Every structure is written in C-alpha cells, then in structure tokens.
Amino acid sequence: MREPTKSEPQQPFSTTRLTFCFRSRHLGTRAGMRTDEQNSGQVPEEAVMEWAQRAACAHEDPELFFPLSSTGPALRQELAAKRVCLRCPVIRQCFDWAMSSGQVHGVWGGTSERERAELRRRTAFVAAHE
C-alpha cells in the first residue's frame, strides 16, 4: 500500500490498524498480496481489507482497542471498545478474521484477548475429543 501524499487524507484508523496486522502476519512476498488459506491462491490486499473500511472503529482512537491490562481502568477501556463493536456492521467479519489470523492482543469483533483464548481452547478440546 502506498503512502498518502500531503494532499490526500490518511486512511481511517481501522484500516490502518488492520493493514499493520495484515502486513505483519499475512502478506506474501509480493506487495499487496496475501496467501488465502482456503484456496491457496493470492487475494489482493484491497479485497481482504474491504470489510474493515466499513468498521465502526474506523474513526476511533486505536489505543481504545488495546488495553494494557484486564483490571481497573483497562477493564473500563475494554468495555468501551466492545460498545463500539456492538454498533459495528462488520463485527462478524472482524471476529472471524481475528480468530483465523490468531490475534492475541486487543479487542476484535467484540471479543477480548481472554475470550478469544478461551474459544480457541474450547475448540481445540472439542477437536481433540471427536
């Protein structure tokens, strides 16, 4: 993704946040492409990011979604982030992306780090006992 010029506005927050996460975890060797685990093909980054542009968090402070702990003021921060998620039209896509990409930090798709970790443990337990 190219850098915006001085005359162009910056991208909304969630696209920026997700772009960082996609770049650090999912982009393939060609710029702007990532491997699609379902069909082993290449998917343009723009297609992957399309849902993020409609996210309710697009114009929120990024720090809101990354509390530093899980008690006291950080718990209130987590709850505030989840309130943003509750009004989000793409909450399901965000949750699915967070689970499939293994996001271990922050609030994604209305879930906290602890909640996603518990869902992963339960899923692994059920899979191991089938």
Foldseek 3Di string as FASTA:
>chain_A
DDDDDPVDDDWFDQLVVVVVVCVVQFCDPDPQWGQDVVPRDIDGVCVLCVLSSQFLCRHPDPVLFFQPDCDDPSVVSLVVVLVSLVPTPCLVSFVVCCLVRVPQTTATSSDHNVVSVVVVVVVVVVVVVD
